[in-house]
């Protein structure tokens, strides 16, 4: 008497618990593949948007032109958000001078702190999965 050890044999011999575990494992596998594919595509698209913004940024003739570009296009990548934060901080420091405590130490140090803060916030978003871009 030959006994089969294939998948069909498992299905015929499995009880409800075994079939339930099989269905659960298949569902989790499909969900995992879905997440991997969608996150991968999201990362590719985010990279393209970032590359496009960086190209426009470095081709701009002035910071004013960059500011206009940021107003026209959505902030769809981390570089655009950082650029907007720094331009806003630079404009704010021009308007109000260095009287704010945050601007103590000079404009260069103030803008560096704004950039570092923005980078830290973006790293936290990516680390915790709050946004994919």
N, C-alpha and C. Protein backbone atom coordinates (compact mmCIF):
# COMPACT_ATOMS: atom_id res chain seq x y z
N UNK A 1 0.85 -1.16 0.00
CA UNK A 1 0.00 0.00 0.00
C UNK A 1 0.90 1.23 0.00
N UNK A 2 0.79 1.98 -1.06
CA UNK A 2 1.61 3.18 -1.24
C UNK A 2 0.84 4.40 -0.76
N UNK A 3 1.49 5.18 0.05
CA UNK A 3 0.84 6.37 0.57
C UNK A 3 1.47 7.59 -0.07
N UNK A 4 0.64 8.49 -0.59
CA UNK A 4 1.14 9.72 -1.19
C UNK A 4 1.45 10.75 -0.13
N UNK A 5 2.50 11.48 -0.37
CA UNK A 5 2.89 12.53 0.56
C UNK A 5 2.81 13.90 -0.10
N UNK A 6 2.02 14.04 -1.12
CA UNK A 6 1.92 15.29 -1.84
C UNK A 6 0.93 16.26 -1.20
N UNK A 7 0.75 17.35 -1.88
CA UNK A 7 -0.13 18.40 -1.41
C UNK A 7 -1.59 17.95 -1.41
N UNK A 8 -1.96 17.20 -2.43
CA UNK A 8 -3.34 16.69 -2.50
C UNK A 8 -3.62 15.76 -1.32
N UNK A 9 -2.65 14.96 -0.98
CA UNK A 9 -2.82 14.06 0.16
C UNK A 9 -3.00 14.87 1.45
N UNK A 10 -2.22 15.94 1.60
CA UNK A 10 -2.36 16.79 2.78
C UNK A 10 -3.77 17.37 2.85
N UNK A 11 -4.28 17.86 1.72
CA UNK A 11 -5.62 18.45 1.72
C UNK A 11 -6.70 17.44 2.08
N UNK A 12 -6.53 16.23 1.61
CA UNK A 12 -7.55 15.22 1.91
C UNK A 12 -7.49 14.77 3.36
N UNK A 13 -6.31 14.79 3.96
CA UNK A 13 -6.14 14.31 5.32
C UNK A 13 -6.24 15.41 6.38
N UNK A 14 -6.19 16.67 5.97
CA UNK A 14 -6.19 17.78 6.93
C UNK A 14 -7.58 18.01 7.49
N UNK A 15 -7.61 18.39 8.75
CA UNK A 15 -8.89 18.75 9.37
C UNK A 15 -9.13 20.25 9.17
N UNK A 16 -10.14 20.78 9.80
CA UNK A 16 -10.50 22.19 9.64
C UNK A 16 -9.38 23.11 10.14
N UNK A 17 -8.73 22.73 11.21
CA UNK A 17 -7.65 23.56 11.73
C UNK A 17 -6.49 23.62 10.74
N UNK A 18 -6.12 22.49 10.17
CA UNK A 18 -5.04 22.45 9.18
C UNK A 18 -5.37 23.28 7.96
N UNK A 19 -6.59 23.18 7.48
CA UNK A 19 -7.01 23.98 6.32
C UNK A 19 -7.07 25.46 6.68
N UNK A 20 -7.51 25.75 7.89
CA UNK A 20 -7.53 27.15 8.33
C UNK A 20 -6.14 27.76 8.37
N UNK A 21 -5.18 26.98 8.89
CA UNK A 21 -3.80 27.46 8.93
C UNK A 21 -3.27 27.66 7.51
N UNK A 22 -3.59 26.76 6.61
CA UNK A 22 -3.17 26.88 5.22
C UNK A 22 -3.74 28.15 4.59
N UNK A 23 -5.02 28.39 4.78
CA UNK A 23 -5.65 29.59 4.23
C UNK A 23 -5.02 30.85 4.82
N UNK A 24 -4.77 30.83 6.12
CA UNK A 24 -4.14 31.98 6.78
C UNK A 24 -2.75 32.24 6.21
N UNK A 25 -1.96 31.18 6.04
CA UNK A 25 -0.62 31.34 5.49
C UNK A 25 -0.65 31.87 4.06
N UNK A 26 -1.59 31.38 3.27
CA UNK A 26 -1.72 31.87 1.89
C UNK A 26 -2.13 33.34 1.87
N UNK A 27 -3.07 33.72 2.73
CA UNK A 27 -3.52 35.11 2.79
C UNK A 27 -2.38 36.03 3.22
N UNK A 28 -1.62 35.61 4.22
CA UNK A 28 -0.49 36.43 4.67
C UNK A 28 0.60 36.52 3.61
N UNK A 29 0.80 35.45 2.86
CA UNK A 29 1.77 35.47 1.77
C UNK A 29 1.35 36.46 0.68
N UNK A 30 0.08 36.43 0.30
CA UNK A 30 -0.44 37.36 -0.71
C UNK A 30 -0.31 38.81 -0.20
N UNK A 31 -0.65 39.03 1.06
CA UNK A 31 -0.54 40.37 1.63
C UNK A 31 0.91 40.84 1.65
N UNK A 32 1.83 39.97 1.98
CA UNK A 32 3.25 40.33 2.00
C UNK A 32 3.74 40.71 0.61
N UNK A 33 3.37 39.91 -0.39
CA UNK A 33 3.77 40.23 -1.77
C UNK A 33 3.15 41.54 -2.23
N UNK A 34 1.91 41.78 -1.86
CA UNK A 34 1.24 43.03 -2.22
C UNK A 34 2.01 44.22 -1.63
N UNK A 35 2.36 44.13 -0.35
CA UNK A 35 3.10 45.21 0.29
C UNK A 35 4.47 45.41 -0.34
N UNK A 36 5.17 44.33 -0.64
CA UNK A 36 6.49 44.46 -1.24
C UNK A 36 6.41 45.14 -2.60
N UNK A 37 5.45 44.73 -3.41
CA UNK A 37 5.33 45.31 -4.75
C UNK A 37 4.91 46.78 -4.67
N UNK A 38 3.90 47.10 -3.85
CA UNK A 38 3.43 48.48 -3.78
C UNK A 38 4.49 49.40 -3.16
N UNK A 39 5.18 48.95 -2.13
CA UNK A 39 6.24 49.76 -1.53
C UNK A 39 7.40 49.94 -2.50
N UNK A 40 7.73 48.89 -3.23
CA UNK A 40 8.80 49.00 -4.22
C UNK A 40 8.46 49.99 -5.32
N UNK A 41 7.24 49.90 -5.84
CA UNK A 41 6.81 50.87 -6.86
C UNK A 41 6.76 52.28 -6.29
N UNK A 42 6.29 52.41 -5.06
CA UNK A 42 6.26 53.72 -4.41
C UNK A 42 7.64 54.32 -4.28
N UNK A 43 8.62 53.49 -3.92
CA UNK A 43 9.99 53.97 -3.79
C UNK A 43 10.58 54.39 -5.14
N UNK A 44 10.27 53.62 -6.17
CA UNK A 44 10.76 53.98 -7.51
C UNK A 44 10.16 55.31 -7.94
N UNK A 45 8.85 55.48 -7.76
CA UNK A 45 8.19 56.73 -8.15
C UNK A 45 8.69 57.90 -7.31
N UNK A 46 8.91 57.69 -6.01
CA UNK A 46 9.44 58.75 -5.15
C UNK A 46 10.84 59.15 -5.60
N UNK A 47 11.64 58.19 -5.98
CA UNK A 47 12.98 58.49 -6.48
C UNK A 47 12.94 59.31 -7.75
N UNK A 48 12.01 58.98 -8.64
CA UNK A 48 11.87 59.76 -9.88
C UNK A 48 11.42 61.19 -9.59
N UNK A 49 10.47 61.33 -8.66
CA UNK A 49 10.01 62.69 -8.31
C UNK A 49 11.14 63.49 -7.68
N UNK A 50 11.93 62.85 -6.83
CA UNK A 50 13.06 63.54 -6.19
C UNK A 50 14.10 63.94 -7.24
N UNK A 51 14.41 63.04 -8.16
CA UNK A 51 15.36 63.36 -9.22
C UNK A 51 14.87 64.52 -10.08
N UNK A 52 13.57 64.51 -10.39
CA UNK A 52 12.99 65.59 -11.18
C UNK A 52 13.10 66.93 -10.45
N UNK A 53 12.79 66.92 -9.15
CA UNK A 53 12.90 68.16 -8.38
C UNK A 53 14.34 68.64 -8.32
N UNK A 54 15.27 67.74 -8.04
CA UNK A 54 16.68 68.14 -7.94
C UNK A 54 17.19 68.70 -9.26
N UNK A 55 16.76 68.10 -10.36
CA UNK A 55 17.15 68.63 -11.68
C UNK A 55 16.63 70.05 -11.85
N UNK A 56 15.33 70.28 -11.53
CA UNK A 56 14.75 71.63 -11.64
C UNK A 56 15.43 72.59 -10.67
N UNK A 57 15.75 72.12 -9.48
CA UNK A 57 16.40 72.96 -8.47
C UNK A 57 17.74 73.47 -8.97
N UNK A 58 18.58 72.56 -9.46
CA UNK A 58 19.92 72.97 -9.87
C UNK A 58 19.93 73.70 -11.20
N UNK A 59 18.88 73.57 -12.01
CA UNK A 59 18.79 74.31 -13.27
C UNK A 59 18.20 75.71 -13.07
N UNK A 60 17.64 75.97 -11.90
CA UNK A 60 17.02 77.27 -11.63
C UNK A 60 18.09 78.37 -11.61
N UNK A 61 17.70 79.54 -12.09
CA UNK A 61 18.63 80.67 -12.14
C UNK A 61 18.76 81.39 -10.80
N UNK A 62 17.74 81.28 -9.96
CA UNK A 62 17.77 81.99 -8.68
C UNK A 62 16.91 81.24 -7.66
N UNK A 63 17.06 81.63 -6.41
CA UNK A 63 16.22 81.05 -5.35
C UNK A 63 14.78 81.48 -5.51
N UNK A 64 14.57 82.67 -6.08
CA UNK A 64 13.21 83.13 -6.34
C UNK A 64 12.52 82.19 -7.33
N UNK A 65 13.25 81.77 -8.34
CA UNK A 65 12.69 80.82 -9.32
C UNK A 65 12.38 79.48 -8.65
N UNK A 66 13.23 79.04 -7.74
CA UNK A 66 12.98 77.80 -7.00
C UNK A 66 11.70 77.95 -6.18
N UNK A 67 11.54 79.10 -5.55
CA UNK A 67 10.34 79.37 -4.75
C UNK A 67 9.08 79.32 -5.61
N UNK A 68 9.14 79.88 -6.80
CA UNK A 68 8.00 79.83 -7.72
C UNK A 68 7.72 78.38 -8.13
N UNK A 69 8.78 77.62 -8.39
CA UNK A 69 8.61 76.20 -8.75
C UNK A 69 7.95 75.44 -7.62
N UNK A 70 8.35 75.73 -6.39
CA UNK A 70 7.75 75.05 -5.24
C UNK A 70 6.27 75.41 -5.09
N UNK A 71 5.90 76.64 -5.42
CA UNK A 71 4.50 77.04 -5.34
C UNK A 71 3.66 76.36 -6.42
N UNK A 72 4.24 76.12 -7.59
CA UNK A 72 3.51 75.52 -8.71
C UNK A 72 3.33 74.02 -8.58
N UNK A 73 4.34 73.36 -8.04
CA UNK A 73 4.32 71.90 -7.97
C UNK A 73 4.06 71.45 -6.53
N UNK A 74 3.42 70.31 -6.38
CA UNK A 74 3.17 69.80 -5.02
C UNK A 74 4.48 69.38 -4.35
N UNK A 75 4.49 69.46 -3.04
CA UNK A 75 5.65 69.01 -2.28
C UNK A 75 5.58 67.50 -2.15
N UNK A 76 6.05 66.80 -3.17
CA UNK A 76 5.88 65.36 -3.24
C UNK A 76 7.15 64.58 -2.94
N UNK A 77 8.17 65.26 -2.41
CA UNK A 77 9.38 64.55 -2.02
C UNK A 77 10.09 65.32 -0.92
N UNK A 78 11.01 64.65 -0.27
CA UNK A 78 11.69 65.23 0.89
C UNK A 78 12.54 66.43 0.51
N UNK A 79 13.15 66.41 -0.68
CA UNK A 79 14.00 67.52 -1.08
C UNK A 79 13.19 68.80 -1.27
N UNK A 80 12.00 68.66 -1.85
CA UNK A 80 11.15 69.83 -2.05
C UNK A 80 10.71 70.40 -0.71
N UNK A 81 10.36 69.54 0.22
CA UNK A 81 9.96 70.00 1.55
C UNK A 81 11.10 70.70 2.27
N UNK A 82 12.31 70.13 2.18
CA UNK A 82 13.47 70.77 2.80
C UNK A 82 13.75 72.12 2.17
N UNK A 83 13.70 72.18 0.85
CA UNK A 83 13.95 73.45 0.17
C UNK A 83 12.93 74.50 0.59
N UNK A 84 11.67 74.10 0.69
CA UNK A 84 10.64 75.06 1.10
C UNK A 84 10.87 75.53 2.54
N UNK A 85 11.22 74.62 3.42
CA UNK A 85 11.48 75.00 4.81
C UNK A 85 12.63 76.00 4.91
N UNK A 86 13.70 75.74 4.18
CA UNK A 86 14.87 76.63 4.24
C UNK A 86 14.56 77.98 3.60
N UNK A 87 13.87 77.97 2.46
CA UNK A 87 13.52 79.25 1.82
C UNK A 87 12.59 80.07 2.70
N UNK A 88 11.66 79.39 3.34
CA UNK A 88 10.75 80.09 4.25
C UNK A 88 11.53 80.66 5.44
N UNK A 89 12.46 79.88 5.99
CA UNK A 89 13.25 80.35 7.13
C UNK A 89 14.15 81.52 6.71
N UNK A 90 14.73 81.43 5.51
CA UNK A 90 15.58 82.52 5.03
C UNK A 90 14.77 83.79 4.83
N UNK A 91 13.57 83.65 4.27
CA UNK A 91 12.69 84.80 4.07
C UNK A 91 12.27 85.38 5.41
N UNK A 92 11.96 84.50 6.34
CA UNK A 92 11.57 84.94 7.69
C UNK A 92 12.70 85.69 8.38
N UNK A 93 13.92 85.19 8.26
CA UNK A 93 15.05 85.86 8.91
C UNK A 93 15.36 87.19 8.23
N UNK A 94 15.12 87.30 6.92
CA UNK A 94 15.30 88.58 6.23
C UNK A 94 14.28 89.59 6.72
N UNK A 95 13.05 89.13 6.87
CA UNK A 95 11.97 90.02 7.28
C UNK A 95 12.13 90.50 8.72
N UNK A 96 12.49 89.59 9.60
CA UNK A 96 12.54 89.90 11.02
C UNK A 96 13.95 90.09 11.55
N UNK A 97 14.93 89.92 10.70
CA UNK A 97 16.31 90.03 11.15
C UNK A 97 16.68 88.86 12.04
N UNK A 98 17.74 89.00 12.74
CA UNK A 98 18.21 87.92 13.61
C UNK A 98 17.77 88.14 15.05
N UNK A 99 16.58 88.73 15.24
CA UNK A 99 16.12 89.01 16.59
C UNK A 99 15.53 87.78 17.27
N UNK A 100 15.15 86.80 16.50
CA UNK A 100 14.58 85.58 17.10
C UNK A 100 15.69 84.78 17.77
N UNK A 101 15.33 84.10 18.82
CA UNK A 101 16.29 83.24 19.51
C UNK A 101 16.75 82.11 18.60
N UNK A 102 15.85 81.62 17.75
CA UNK A 102 16.20 80.53 16.85
C UNK A 102 17.29 80.94 15.86
N UNK A 103 17.38 82.24 15.55
CA UNK A 103 18.37 82.71 14.59
C UNK A 103 19.67 83.14 15.24
N UNK A 104 19.82 82.91 16.53
CA UNK A 104 21.05 83.29 17.22
C UNK A 104 22.23 82.52 16.64
N UNK A 105 23.31 83.20 16.41
CA UNK A 105 24.49 82.55 15.86
C UNK A 105 24.70 82.85 14.40
N UNK A 106 23.82 83.57 13.78
CA UNK A 106 23.98 83.94 12.38
C UNK A 106 23.03 83.19 11.47
N UNK A 107 22.87 83.75 10.28
CA UNK A 107 21.94 83.18 9.31
C UNK A 107 22.38 81.79 8.85
N UNK A 108 23.69 81.63 8.62
CA UNK A 108 24.19 80.34 8.16
C UNK A 108 23.90 79.22 9.14
N UNK A 109 24.15 79.48 10.40
CA UNK A 109 23.88 78.46 11.43
C UNK A 109 22.38 78.22 11.58
N UNK A 110 21.60 79.28 11.46
CA UNK A 110 20.15 79.14 11.55
C UNK A 110 19.62 78.25 10.43
N UNK A 111 20.06 78.49 9.20
CA UNK A 111 19.60 77.68 8.07
C UNK A 111 20.10 76.24 8.18
N UNK A 112 21.30 76.07 8.71
CA UNK A 112 21.82 74.71 8.94
C UNK A 112 20.95 73.97 9.94
N UNK A 113 20.54 74.66 11.01
CA UNK A 113 19.66 74.02 12.00
C UNK A 113 18.31 73.68 11.39
N UNK A 114 17.79 74.56 10.54
CA UNK A 114 16.51 74.28 9.87
C UNK A 114 16.64 73.04 9.00
N UNK A 115 17.73 72.95 8.24
CA UNK A 115 17.96 71.77 7.40
C UNK A 115 18.09 70.50 8.23
N UNK A 116 18.88 70.55 9.28
CA UNK A 116 19.07 69.36 10.12
C UNK A 116 17.75 68.92 10.77
N UNK A 117 16.97 69.89 11.21
CA UNK A 117 15.66 69.58 11.79
C UNK A 117 14.76 68.92 10.75
N UNK A 118 14.74 69.46 9.54
CA UNK A 118 13.94 68.86 8.47
C UNK A 118 14.38 67.46 8.12
N UNK A 119 15.70 67.25 8.07
CA UNK A 119 16.23 65.91 7.78
C UNK A 119 15.85 64.94 8.89
N UNK A 120 15.95 65.38 10.14
CA UNK A 120 15.56 64.52 11.26
C UNK A 120 14.08 64.16 11.20
N UNK A 121 13.24 65.13 10.87
CA UNK A 121 11.80 64.87 10.76
C UNK A 121 11.51 63.88 9.64
N UNK A 122 12.18 64.04 8.51
CA UNK A 122 11.97 63.12 7.39
C UNK A 122 12.45 61.72 7.74
N UNK A 123 13.57 61.63 8.42
CA UNK A 123 14.08 60.31 8.84
C UNK A 123 13.10 59.64 9.79
N UNK A 124 12.50 60.41 10.69
CA UNK A 124 11.50 59.84 11.61
C UNK A 124 10.27 59.36 10.85
N UNK A 125 9.84 60.13 9.85
CA UNK A 125 8.67 59.72 9.05
C UNK A 125 8.95 58.41 8.33
N UNK A 126 10.12 58.31 7.71
CA UNK A 126 10.48 57.10 6.98
C UNK A 126 10.63 55.92 7.93
N UNK A 127 11.27 56.16 9.06
CA UNK A 127 11.50 55.09 10.04
C UNK A 127 10.20 54.52 10.58
N UNK A 128 9.22 55.39 10.81
CA UNK A 128 7.96 54.95 11.38
C UNK A 128 6.90 54.66 10.33
N UNK A 129 7.22 54.86 9.06
CA UNK A 129 6.28 54.54 7.98
C UNK A 129 5.09 55.47 7.91
N UNK A 130 5.26 56.70 8.37
CA UNK A 130 4.14 57.64 8.36
C UNK A 130 3.80 58.09 6.95
N UNK A 131 4.79 58.04 6.07
CA UNK A 131 4.55 58.53 4.72
C UNK A 131 5.48 57.79 3.78
N UNK A 132 5.01 57.51 2.57
CA UNK A 132 5.84 56.85 1.58
C UNK A 132 6.28 57.82 0.51
N UNK A 133 5.73 58.92 0.41
CA UNK A 133 6.14 59.87 -0.58
C UNK A 133 5.33 60.02 -1.73
